[in-house]
Amino acid sequence: MSEVRKPRDPVTGHIKALAKGFKYLIEPNRMTLDYPAETMKLPPNYRGFFTVDDVKCIGCSMCEMVCPPEAITMVPRIVGSGGKTLPAESAPQDQKAAKRTKRPVVNWGKCIFCYFCVDVCPVDAFRPTGVHDVAFYTDREYRPTYEEYLNPPEDPYKSSKKVVSKADKKRGVSYEPAP
């Protein structure tokens, strides 16, 4: 036989919730960061924005093939002096023997930072930048040209206070200044 439970008193539940709210109002127990004034100190191999070494890249397209969200596009280039590449449109029309190649450009709006492209590159042409949080205001900004892609975005939070998370028995998580 099952027991018949008494119906809950809705007023008591509301009073308990209000009491807990006032307790946290008097004694704040905040577990959030004051972002962007404070940011987490991230490990050195944390996945973020990356760029490509124009001289090392051989244009094999493996990065484009392995990219799950299809964020990488290969753009046509012409090999210039010193191994640096130039836009394909800048090639002189009479110079048909110019060595043609292609280079990757990432659409940051599609990239999921899985680093499959970095892992599959046979010549290690991709370089991590250490930049992780960047806000783009227009779609043009997160779809760079090849020349823009060679220069990684600036870290907008380099002047913010870096913190590390620590386990706290009372609060659950607390943040302390990074060493």
N, C-alpha and C. Protein backbone atom coordinates (compact mmCIF):
# COMPACT_ATOMS: atom_id res chain seq x y z
N MET A 1 0.83 -1.17 0.00
CA MET A 1 0.00 0.00 0.00
C MET A 1 0.89 1.24 0.00
N SER A 2 0.59 2.20 -0.83
CA SER A 2 1.40 3.41 -0.89
C SER A 2 0.87 4.46 0.06
N GLU A 3 1.80 5.23 0.54
CA GLU A 3 1.42 6.30 1.46
C GLU A 3 0.88 7.48 0.68
N VAL A 4 -0.05 8.13 1.29
CA VAL A 4 -0.59 9.34 0.68
C VAL A 4 0.23 10.51 1.21
N ARG A 5 0.83 11.24 0.28
CA ARG A 5 1.66 12.38 0.70
C ARG A 5 0.81 13.63 0.78
N LYS A 6 1.20 14.48 1.71
CA LYS A 6 0.49 15.74 1.85
C LYS A 6 0.88 16.65 0.69
N PRO A 7 -0.03 17.44 0.21
CA PRO A 7 0.33 18.39 -0.83
C PRO A 7 1.29 19.45 -0.27
N ARG A 8 2.19 19.91 -1.12
CA ARG A 8 3.16 20.91 -0.68
C ARG A 8 2.47 22.25 -0.52
N ASP A 9 2.97 22.96 0.46
CA ASP A 9 2.46 24.31 0.67
C ASP A 9 3.25 25.24 -0.24
N PRO A 10 2.63 25.87 -1.25
CA PRO A 10 3.37 26.71 -2.18
C PRO A 10 3.99 27.94 -1.52
N VAL A 11 3.37 28.42 -0.47
CA VAL A 11 3.89 29.62 0.19
C VAL A 11 5.23 29.31 0.87
N THR A 12 5.35 28.16 1.49
CA THR A 12 6.60 27.79 2.17
C THR A 12 7.75 27.69 1.17
N GLY A 13 7.51 27.13 -0.01
CA GLY A 13 8.55 27.04 -1.03
C GLY A 13 9.03 28.41 -1.49
N HIS A 14 8.09 29.33 -1.66
CA HIS A 14 8.46 30.69 -2.08
C HIS A 14 9.26 31.40 -1.00
N ILE A 15 8.86 31.21 0.25
CA ILE A 15 9.58 31.86 1.36
C ILE A 15 11.00 31.31 1.45
N LYS A 16 11.19 30.00 1.26
CA LYS A 16 12.54 29.42 1.30
C LYS A 16 13.40 29.97 0.17
N ALA A 17 12.83 30.09 -1.02
CA ALA A 17 13.57 30.62 -2.16
C ALA A 17 13.97 32.08 -1.93
N LEU A 18 13.05 32.88 -1.41
CA LEU A 18 13.37 34.29 -1.12
C LEU A 18 14.44 34.40 -0.04
N ALA A 19 14.37 33.54 0.98
CA ALA A 19 15.37 33.56 2.06
C ALA A 19 16.75 33.25 1.50
N LYS A 20 16.84 32.26 0.63
CA LYS A 20 18.13 31.92 0.02
C LYS A 20 18.64 33.07 -0.85
N GLY A 21 17.76 33.72 -1.59
CA GLY A 21 18.15 34.86 -2.41
C GLY A 21 18.68 36.01 -1.56
N PHE A 22 18.02 36.31 -0.45
CA PHE A 22 18.51 37.38 0.44
C PHE A 22 19.83 37.01 1.09
N LYS A 23 20.02 35.73 1.39
CA LYS A 23 21.29 35.28 1.97
C LYS A 23 22.45 35.57 1.01
N TYR A 24 22.25 35.27 -0.29
CA TYR A 24 23.30 35.52 -1.27
C TYR A 24 23.46 37.01 -1.58
N LEU A 25 22.41 37.78 -1.35
CA LEU A 25 22.51 39.22 -1.53
C LEU A 25 23.42 39.82 -0.46
N ILE A 26 23.30 39.32 0.77
CA ILE A 26 24.12 39.82 1.89
C ILE A 26 25.53 39.24 1.84
N GLU A 27 25.63 37.94 1.61
CA GLU A 27 26.93 37.26 1.54
C GLU A 27 27.09 36.67 0.14
N PRO A 28 27.65 37.46 -0.80
CA PRO A 28 27.74 36.94 -2.17
C PRO A 28 28.64 35.71 -2.25
N ASN A 29 28.17 34.75 -3.01
CA ASN A 29 28.90 33.51 -3.20
C ASN A 29 29.08 33.29 -4.70
N ARG A 30 29.59 34.32 -5.37
CA ARG A 30 29.66 34.31 -6.82
C ARG A 30 30.76 33.38 -7.31
N MET A 31 30.45 32.63 -8.37
CA MET A 31 31.43 31.72 -8.96
C MET A 31 31.77 32.11 -10.39
N THR A 32 31.37 33.28 -10.82
CA THR A 32 31.63 33.68 -12.18
C THR A 32 32.81 34.65 -12.24
N LEU A 33 33.35 34.79 -13.43
CA LEU A 33 34.45 35.74 -13.66
C LEU A 33 33.88 37.10 -14.03
N ASP A 34 34.63 38.13 -13.72
CA ASP A 34 34.28 39.48 -14.15
C ASP A 34 34.86 39.66 -15.55
N TYR A 35 34.24 38.95 -16.53
CA TYR A 35 34.74 38.95 -17.90
C TYR A 35 34.32 40.23 -18.60
N PRO A 36 35.13 40.92 -19.30
CA PRO A 36 36.47 40.64 -19.80
C PRO A 36 37.60 41.21 -18.92
N ALA A 37 37.27 41.81 -17.77
CA ALA A 37 38.33 42.34 -16.90
C ALA A 37 39.20 41.21 -16.36
N GLU A 38 38.60 40.03 -16.16
CA GLU A 38 39.34 38.84 -15.72
C GLU A 38 39.14 37.76 -16.77
N THR A 39 40.21 37.09 -17.11
CA THR A 39 40.11 35.96 -18.04
C THR A 39 40.91 34.79 -17.49
N MET A 40 40.54 33.59 -17.91
CA MET A 40 41.23 32.39 -17.45
C MET A 40 42.61 32.31 -18.07
N LYS A 41 43.58 31.89 -17.28
CA LYS A 41 44.91 31.60 -17.83
C LYS A 41 44.80 30.22 -18.46
N LEU A 42 45.05 30.15 -19.74
CA LEU A 42 44.87 28.90 -20.47
C LEU A 42 46.19 28.16 -20.63
N PRO A 43 46.16 26.85 -20.72
CA PRO A 43 47.40 26.09 -20.91
C PRO A 43 48.05 26.42 -22.24
N PRO A 44 49.35 26.17 -22.35
CA PRO A 44 50.07 26.55 -23.57
C PRO A 44 49.55 25.89 -24.85
N ASN A 45 49.02 24.69 -24.78
CA ASN A 45 48.55 24.00 -25.99
C ASN A 45 47.04 24.12 -26.18
N TYR A 46 46.42 25.10 -25.55
CA TYR A 46 44.98 25.30 -25.70
C TYR A 46 44.67 25.69 -27.13
N ARG A 47 43.65 25.10 -27.71
CA ARG A 47 43.33 25.32 -29.12
C ARG A 47 42.70 26.70 -29.32
N GLY A 48 43.30 27.45 -30.19
CA GLY A 48 42.79 28.78 -30.52
C GLY A 48 43.06 29.08 -31.97
N PHE A 49 43.17 30.35 -32.29
CA PHE A 49 43.44 30.76 -33.67
C PHE A 49 44.82 30.27 -34.09
N PHE A 50 44.96 30.01 -35.37
CA PHE A 50 46.24 29.55 -35.90
C PHE A 50 46.47 30.22 -37.24
N THR A 51 47.69 30.18 -37.68
CA THR A 51 48.06 30.75 -38.97
C THR A 51 48.93 29.74 -39.70
N VAL A 52 49.30 30.04 -40.92
CA VAL A 52 50.09 29.11 -41.73
C VAL A 52 51.41 29.77 -42.10
N ASP A 53 52.45 28.96 -42.13
CA ASP A 53 53.76 29.43 -42.58
C ASP A 53 53.76 29.33 -44.11
N ASP A 54 53.79 30.47 -44.76
CA ASP A 54 53.67 30.54 -46.22
C ASP A 54 54.78 29.78 -46.93
N VAL A 55 55.98 29.79 -46.38
CA VAL A 55 57.11 29.13 -47.04
C VAL A 55 57.06 27.61 -46.83
N LYS A 56 56.64 27.16 -45.64
CA LYS A 56 56.59 25.72 -45.35
C LYS A 56 55.46 25.00 -46.09
N CYS A 57 54.32 25.67 -46.26
CA CYS A 57 53.13 25.04 -46.85
C CYS A 57 53.44 24.57 -48.27
N ILE A 58 53.04 23.33 -48.57
CA ILE A 58 53.29 22.78 -49.90
C ILE A 58 52.01 22.75 -50.75
N GLY A 59 50.89 23.21 -50.20
CA GLY A 59 49.65 23.28 -50.97
C GLY A 59 49.03 21.94 -51.28
N CYS A 60 49.16 20.97 -50.37
CA CYS A 60 48.67 19.61 -50.64
C CYS A 60 47.16 19.46 -50.47
N SER A 61 46.49 20.40 -49.84
CA SER A 61 45.04 20.40 -49.62
C SER A 61 44.55 19.37 -48.60
N MET A 62 45.45 18.73 -47.87
CA MET A 62 44.99 17.75 -46.88
C MET A 62 44.20 18.43 -45.78
N CYS A 63 44.58 19.65 -45.41
CA CYS A 63 43.85 20.38 -44.38
C CYS A 63 42.41 20.66 -44.83
N GLU A 64 42.24 21.01 -46.08
CA GLU A 64 40.90 21.28 -46.61
C GLU A 64 40.06 20.01 -46.62
N MET A 65 40.67 18.88 -46.96
CA MET A 65 39.93 17.61 -47.05
C MET A 65 39.50 17.11 -45.68
N VAL A 66 40.32 17.34 -44.65
CA VAL A 66 40.02 16.77 -43.33
C VAL A 66 39.14 17.68 -42.48
N CYS A 67 38.90 18.90 -42.87
CA CYS A 67 38.15 19.87 -42.07
C CYS A 67 36.67 19.48 -41.97
N PRO A 68 36.18 19.11 -40.76
CA PRO A 68 34.78 18.67 -40.63
C PRO A 68 33.75 19.73 -41.02
N PRO A 69 33.89 21.00 -40.61
CA PRO A 69 32.86 21.98 -41.01
C PRO A 69 33.14 22.65 -42.35
N GLU A 70 34.17 22.19 -43.07
CA GLU A 70 34.56 22.76 -44.35
C GLU A 70 34.85 24.25 -44.23
N ALA A 71 35.62 24.60 -43.20
CA ALA A 71 35.98 26.00 -42.95
C ALA A 71 37.22 26.42 -43.72
N ILE A 72 37.98 25.48 -44.27
CA ILE A 72 39.22 25.81 -44.97
C ILE A 72 38.97 25.81 -46.48
N THR A 73 39.44 26.86 -47.12
CA THR A 73 39.36 26.99 -48.58
C THR A 73 40.77 27.19 -49.10
N MET A 74 41.11 26.49 -50.16
CA MET A 74 42.42 26.68 -50.78
C MET A 74 42.30 27.78 -51.83
N VAL A 75 43.20 28.77 -51.74
CA VAL A 75 43.18 29.87 -52.70
C VAL A 75 44.37 29.76 -53.64
N PRO A 76 44.20 30.09 -54.92
CA PRO A 76 45.32 29.97 -55.87
C PRO A 76 46.37 31.05 -55.62
N ARG A 77 47.62 30.66 -55.72
CA ARG A 77 48.76 31.56 -55.49
C ARG A 77 49.84 31.26 -56.52
N ILE A 78 50.81 32.16 -56.62
CA ILE A 78 51.98 31.97 -57.49
C ILE A 78 53.21 32.08 -56.61
N VAL A 79 54.12 31.14 -56.76
CA VAL A 79 55.34 31.14 -55.96
C VAL A 79 56.25 32.25 -56.46
N GLY A 80 56.64 33.12 -55.53
CA GLY A 80 57.53 34.23 -55.87
C GLY A 80 58.92 33.96 -55.36
N SER A 81 59.71 35.01 -55.23
CA SER A 81 61.09 34.86 -54.78
C SER A 81 61.13 34.51 -53.30
N GLY A 82 62.06 33.67 -52.92
CA GLY A 82 62.23 33.26 -51.53
C GLY A 82 61.17 32.30 -51.04
N GLY A 83 60.36 31.77 -51.93
CA GLY A 83 59.33 30.82 -51.53
C GLY A 83 58.03 31.48 -51.11
N LYS A 84 58.02 32.79 -50.91
CA LYS A 84 56.77 33.49 -50.56
C LYS A 84 55.84 33.45 -51.76
N THR A 85 54.54 33.47 -51.48
CA THR A 85 53.58 33.41 -52.58
C THR A 85 52.93 34.75 -52.81
N LEU A 86 52.42 34.92 -54.01
CA LEU A 86 51.73 36.14 -54.43
C LEU A 86 50.34 35.75 -54.93
N PRO A 87 49.40 36.69 -54.91
CA PRO A 87 48.07 36.37 -55.45
C PRO A 87 48.17 35.93 -56.91
N ALA A 88 47.34 34.99 -57.30
CA ALA A 88 47.38 34.46 -58.67
C ALA A 88 47.05 35.54 -59.69
N GLU A 89 46.23 36.52 -59.31
CA GLU A 89 45.86 37.59 -60.23
C GLU A 89 47.04 38.50 -60.56
N SER A 90 48.06 38.53 -59.67
CA SER A 90 49.19 39.43 -59.90
C SER A 90 50.25 38.86 -60.84
N ALA A 91 50.03 37.67 -61.33
CA ALA A 91 51.00 37.06 -62.25
C ALA A 91 50.96 37.76 -63.60
N PRO A 92 52.13 38.05 -64.18
CA PRO A 92 52.14 38.65 -65.52
C PRO A 92 51.54 37.68 -66.53
N GLN A 93 50.78 38.20 -67.46
CA GLN A 93 50.12 37.35 -68.46
C GLN A 93 51.11 36.63 -69.37
N ASP A 94 52.25 37.26 -69.63
CA ASP A 94 53.22 36.63 -70.53
C ASP A 94 54.05 35.56 -69.85
N GLN A 95 53.96 35.50 -68.51
CA GLN A 95 54.78 34.53 -67.77
C GLN A 95 53.93 33.31 -67.46
N LYS A 96 53.75 32.44 -68.41
CA LYS A 96 52.92 31.26 -68.23
C LYS A 96 53.65 30.17 -67.47
N ALA A 97 54.97 30.28 -67.39
CA ALA A 97 55.76 29.25 -66.72
C ALA A 97 55.83 29.47 -65.21
N ALA A 98 55.15 30.50 -64.69
CA ALA A 98 55.18 30.75 -63.25
C ALA A 98 54.61 29.56 -62.50
N LYS A 99 55.27 29.18 -61.41
CA LYS A 99 54.83 28.01 -60.64
C LYS A 99 53.58 28.37 -59.85
N ARG A 100 52.53 27.63 -60.11
CA ARG A 100 51.25 27.87 -59.43
C ARG A 100 51.12 26.92 -58.26
N THR A 101 50.48 27.40 -57.22
CA THR A 101 50.24 26.59 -56.03
C THR A 101 48.95 27.07 -55.38
N LYS A 102 48.64 26.57 -54.22
CA LYS A 102 47.46 27.02 -53.48
C LYS A 102 47.78 27.02 -51.99
N ARG A 103 47.07 27.85 -51.25
CA ARG A 103 47.30 28.00 -49.82
C ARG A 103 45.96 28.03 -49.08
N PRO A 104 45.94 27.57 -47.82
CA PRO A 104 44.68 27.53 -47.07
C PRO A 104 44.31 28.88 -46.45
N VAL A 105 43.01 29.14 -46.41
CA VAL A 105 42.45 30.28 -45.69
C VAL A 105 41.29 29.74 -44.87
N VAL A 106 41.19 30.16 -43.61
CA VAL A 106 40.17 29.65 -42.71
C VAL A 106 39.05 30.67 -42.54
N ASN A 107 37.82 30.19 -42.63
CA ASN A 107 36.65 30.99 -42.30
C ASN A 107 36.40 30.79 -40.81
N TRP A 108 36.76 31.79 -39.99
CA TRP A 108 36.66 31.63 -38.54
C TRP A 108 35.23 31.49 -38.05
N GLY A 109 34.26 31.89 -38.85
CA GLY A 109 32.86 31.71 -38.47
C GLY A 109 32.42 30.26 -38.53
N LYS A 110 33.12 29.43 -39.31
CA LYS A 110 32.80 28.01 -39.42
C LYS A 110 33.72 27.13 -38.59
N CYS A 111 34.95 27.59 -38.34
CA CYS A 111 35.97 26.77 -37.68
C CYS A 111 35.52 26.34 -36.28
N ILE A 112 35.69 25.05 -35.96
CA ILE A 112 35.35 24.54 -34.63
C ILE A 112 36.60 24.27 -33.80
N PHE A 113 37.75 24.68 -34.28
CA PHE A 113 39.04 24.57 -33.58
C PHE A 113 39.34 23.14 -33.14
N CYS A 114 39.06 22.20 -34.02
CA CYS A 114 39.35 20.79 -33.74
C CYS A 114 40.82 20.47 -33.95
N TYR A 115 41.50 21.31 -34.71
CA TYR A 115 42.93 21.16 -35.02
C TYR A 115 43.24 19.91 -35.85
N PHE A 116 42.24 19.35 -36.54
CA PHE A 116 42.51 18.24 -37.44
C PHE A 116 43.48 18.69 -38.52
N CYS A 117 43.31 19.92 -38.99
CA CYS A 117 44.19 20.45 -40.04
C CYS A 117 45.62 20.56 -39.55
N VAL A 118 45.79 20.97 -38.31
CA VAL A 118 47.14 21.09 -37.74
C VAL A 118 47.77 19.71 -37.62
N ASP A 119 46.98 18.73 -37.19
CA ASP A 119 47.49 17.38 -37.00
C ASP A 119 47.82 16.68 -38.32
N VAL A 120 47.05 16.93 -39.37
CA VAL A 120 47.24 16.21 -40.63
C VAL A 120 48.30 16.84 -41.52
N CYS A 121 48.71 18.06 -41.25
CA CYS A 121 49.67 18.74 -42.11
C CYS A 121 51.01 17.99 -42.13
N PRO A 122 51.46 17.54 -43.31
CA PRO A 122 52.69 16.75 -43.39
C PRO A 122 53.97 17.55 -43.14
N VAL A 123 53.90 18.88 -43.24
CA VAL A 123 55.11 19.69 -43.08
C VAL A 123 55.02 20.63 -41.87
N ASP A 124 54.01 20.46 -41.02
CA ASP A 124 53.81 21.31 -39.84
C ASP A 124 53.80 22.78 -40.19
N ALA A 125 53.01 23.14 -41.18
CA ALA A 125 52.96 24.54 -41.63
C ALA A 125 52.04 25.40 -40.77
N PHE A 126 51.13 24.79 -40.01
CA PHE A 126 50.22 25.57 -39.16
C PHE A 126 50.89 25.90 -37.84
N ARG A 127 50.68 27.15 -37.40
CA ARG A 127 51.25 27.61 -36.13
C ARG A 127 50.14 28.13 -35.23
N PRO A 128 50.05 27.64 -33.98
CA PRO A 128 49.06 28.21 -33.04
C PRO A 128 49.50 29.62 -32.64
N THR A 129 48.53 30.48 -32.31
CA THR A 129 48.85 31.87 -32.01
C THR A 129 48.73 32.24 -30.54
N GLY A 130 47.99 31.49 -29.74
CA GLY A 130 47.77 31.88 -28.35
C GLY A 130 46.59 32.81 -28.19
N VAL A 131 45.92 33.16 -29.26
CA VAL A 131 44.73 34.00 -29.20
C VAL A 131 43.50 33.09 -29.22
N HIS A 132 42.60 33.27 -28.25
CA HIS A 132 41.45 32.37 -28.13
C HIS A 132 40.11 33.06 -28.18
N ASP A 133 40.02 34.26 -27.65
CA ASP A 133 38.74 34.97 -27.58
C ASP A 133 38.81 36.21 -28.44
N VAL A 134 38.09 36.21 -29.54
CA VAL A 134 38.03 37.37 -30.41
C VAL A 134 36.58 37.53 -30.87
N ALA A 135 36.09 38.74 -30.81
CA ALA A 135 34.74 39.02 -31.30
C ALA A 135 34.86 39.67 -32.68
N PHE A 136 34.09 39.15 -33.63
CA PHE A 136 34.03 39.73 -34.96
C PHE A 136 32.70 40.45 -35.09
N TYR A 137 32.72 41.64 -35.63
CA TYR A 137 31.51 42.44 -35.72
C TYR A 137 30.83 42.35 -37.08
N THR A 138 31.58 41.98 -38.10
CA THR A 138 30.98 41.79 -39.43
C THR A 138 31.46 40.46 -39.99
N ASP A 139 30.69 39.90 -40.91
CA ASP A 139 31.09 38.62 -41.48
C ASP A 139 32.36 38.75 -42.31
N ARG A 140 32.67 39.90 -42.80
CA ARG A 140 33.91 40.14 -43.55
C ARG A 140 35.14 39.93 -42.67
N GLU A 141 35.04 40.26 -41.38
CA GLU A 141 36.18 40.13 -40.48
C GLU A 141 36.55 38.69 -40.19
N TYR A 142 35.58 37.79 -40.13
CA TYR A 142 35.92 36.40 -39.84
C TYR A 142 36.16 35.57 -41.09
N ARG A 143 36.11 36.19 -42.25
CA ARG A 143 36.49 35.54 -43.50
C ARG A 143 37.66 36.30 -44.11
N PRO A 144 38.88 36.08 -43.61
CA PRO A 144 40.02 36.88 -44.06
C PRO A 144 40.50 36.50 -45.45
N THR A 145 41.22 37.44 -46.07
CA THR A 145 41.93 37.12 -47.29
C THR A 145 43.19 36.36 -46.87
N TYR A 146 43.93 35.84 -47.83
CA TYR A 146 45.13 35.08 -47.48
C TYR A 146 46.14 35.95 -46.76
N GLU A 147 46.33 37.18 -47.22
CA GLU A 147 47.29 38.08 -46.58
C GLU A 147 46.87 38.40 -45.15
N GLU A 148 45.58 38.58 -44.92
CA GLU A 148 45.08 38.84 -43.56
C GLU A 148 45.24 37.60 -42.69
N TYR A 149 45.06 36.42 -43.29
CA TYR A 149 45.18 35.17 -42.54
C TYR A 149 46.61 34.93 -42.06
N LEU A 150 47.60 35.42 -42.80
CA LEU A 150 48.99 35.25 -42.38
C LEU A 150 49.30 36.03 -41.10
N ASN A 151 48.54 37.09 -40.84
CA ASN A 151 48.69 37.88 -39.61
C ASN A 151 47.55 37.53 -38.68
N PRO A 152 47.81 36.82 -37.59
CA PRO A 152 46.73 36.39 -36.70
C PRO A 152 46.07 37.58 -36.01
N PRO A 153 44.85 37.39 -35.51
CA PRO A 153 44.18 38.48 -34.81
C PRO A 153 44.92 38.86 -33.52
N GLU A 154 44.80 40.11 -33.14
CA GLU A 154 45.41 40.57 -31.89
C GLU A 154 44.59 40.05 -30.72
N ASP A 155 45.25 39.78 -29.61
CA ASP A 155 44.57 39.32 -28.40
C ASP A 155 43.94 40.53 -27.72
N PRO A 156 42.60 40.65 -27.73
CA PRO A 156 41.97 41.84 -27.14
C PRO A 156 42.03 41.85 -25.62
N TYR A 157 42.39 40.73 -25.00
CA TYR A 157 42.37 40.64 -23.55
C TYR A 157 43.76 40.48 -22.95
N LYS A 158 44.79 40.92 -23.66
CA LYS A 158 46.14 40.74 -23.14
C LYS A 158 46.38 41.60 -21.90
N SER A 159 45.63 42.66 -21.69
CA SER A 159 45.80 43.50 -20.51
C SER A 159 44.88 43.09 -19.36
N SER A 160 44.02 42.10 -19.56
CA SER A 160 43.10 41.69 -18.49
C SER A 160 43.83 40.85 -17.44
N LYS A 161 43.27 40.83 -16.26
CA LYS A 161 43.84 40.07 -15.14
C LYS A 161 43.61 38.58 -15.39
N LYS A 162 44.67 37.78 -15.34
CA LYS A 162 44.57 36.34 -15.58
C LYS A 162 44.34 35.62 -14.25
N VAL A 163 43.41 34.67 -14.25
CA VAL A 163 43.09 33.90 -13.06
C VAL A 163 43.10 32.41 -13.37
N VAL A 164 43.24 31.60 -12.32
CA VAL A 164 43.14 30.15 -12.43
C VAL A 164 42.03 29.69 -11.50
N SER A 165 41.36 28.60 -11.85
CA SER A 165 40.28 28.08 -11.02
C SER A 165 40.83 27.09 -10.00
N LYS A 166 40.25 27.12 -8.82
CA LYS A 166 40.61 26.20 -7.73
C LYS A 166 39.34 25.61 -7.15
N ALA A 167 39.42 24.37 -6.71
CA ALA A 167 38.28 23.73 -6.04
C ALA A 167 38.16 24.29 -4.63
N ASP A 168 36.94 24.66 -4.25
CA ASP A 168 36.67 25.24 -2.93
C ASP A 168 35.50 24.45 -2.33
N LYS A 169 35.68 23.92 -1.12
CA LYS A 169 34.63 23.09 -0.51
C LYS A 169 33.36 23.87 -0.25
N LYS A 170 33.49 25.13 0.12
CA LYS A 170 32.31 25.92 0.45
C LYS A 170 31.61 26.45 -0.80
N ARG A 171 32.39 26.95 -1.77
CA ARG A 171 31.82 27.60 -2.94
C ARG A 171 31.74 26.71 -4.16
N GLY A 172 32.52 25.64 -4.18
CA GLY A 172 32.57 24.78 -5.35
C GLY A 172 33.75 25.13 -6.23
N VAL A 173 33.78 26.36 -6.74
CA VAL A 173 34.88 26.83 -7.57
C VAL A 173 35.21 28.25 -7.13
N SER A 174 36.50 28.52 -7.03
CA SER A 174 36.92 29.89 -6.75
C SER A 174 38.05 30.23 -7.73
N TYR A 175 38.29 31.50 -7.90
CA TYR A 175 39.30 31.97 -8.83
C TYR A 175 40.37 32.74 -8.08
N GLU A 176 41.61 32.42 -8.38
CA GLU A 176 42.75 33.09 -7.76
C GLU A 176 43.62 33.68 -8.85
N PRO A 177 44.37 34.74 -8.54
CA PRO A 177 45.27 35.32 -9.56
C PRO A 177 46.26 34.27 -10.06
N ALA A 178 46.50 34.29 -11.33
CA ALA A 178 47.43 33.33 -11.95
C ALA A 178 48.86 33.66 -11.55
N PRO A 179 49.68 32.62 -11.39
CA PRO A 179 51.09 32.88 -11.02
C PRO A 179 51.88 33.46 -12.18
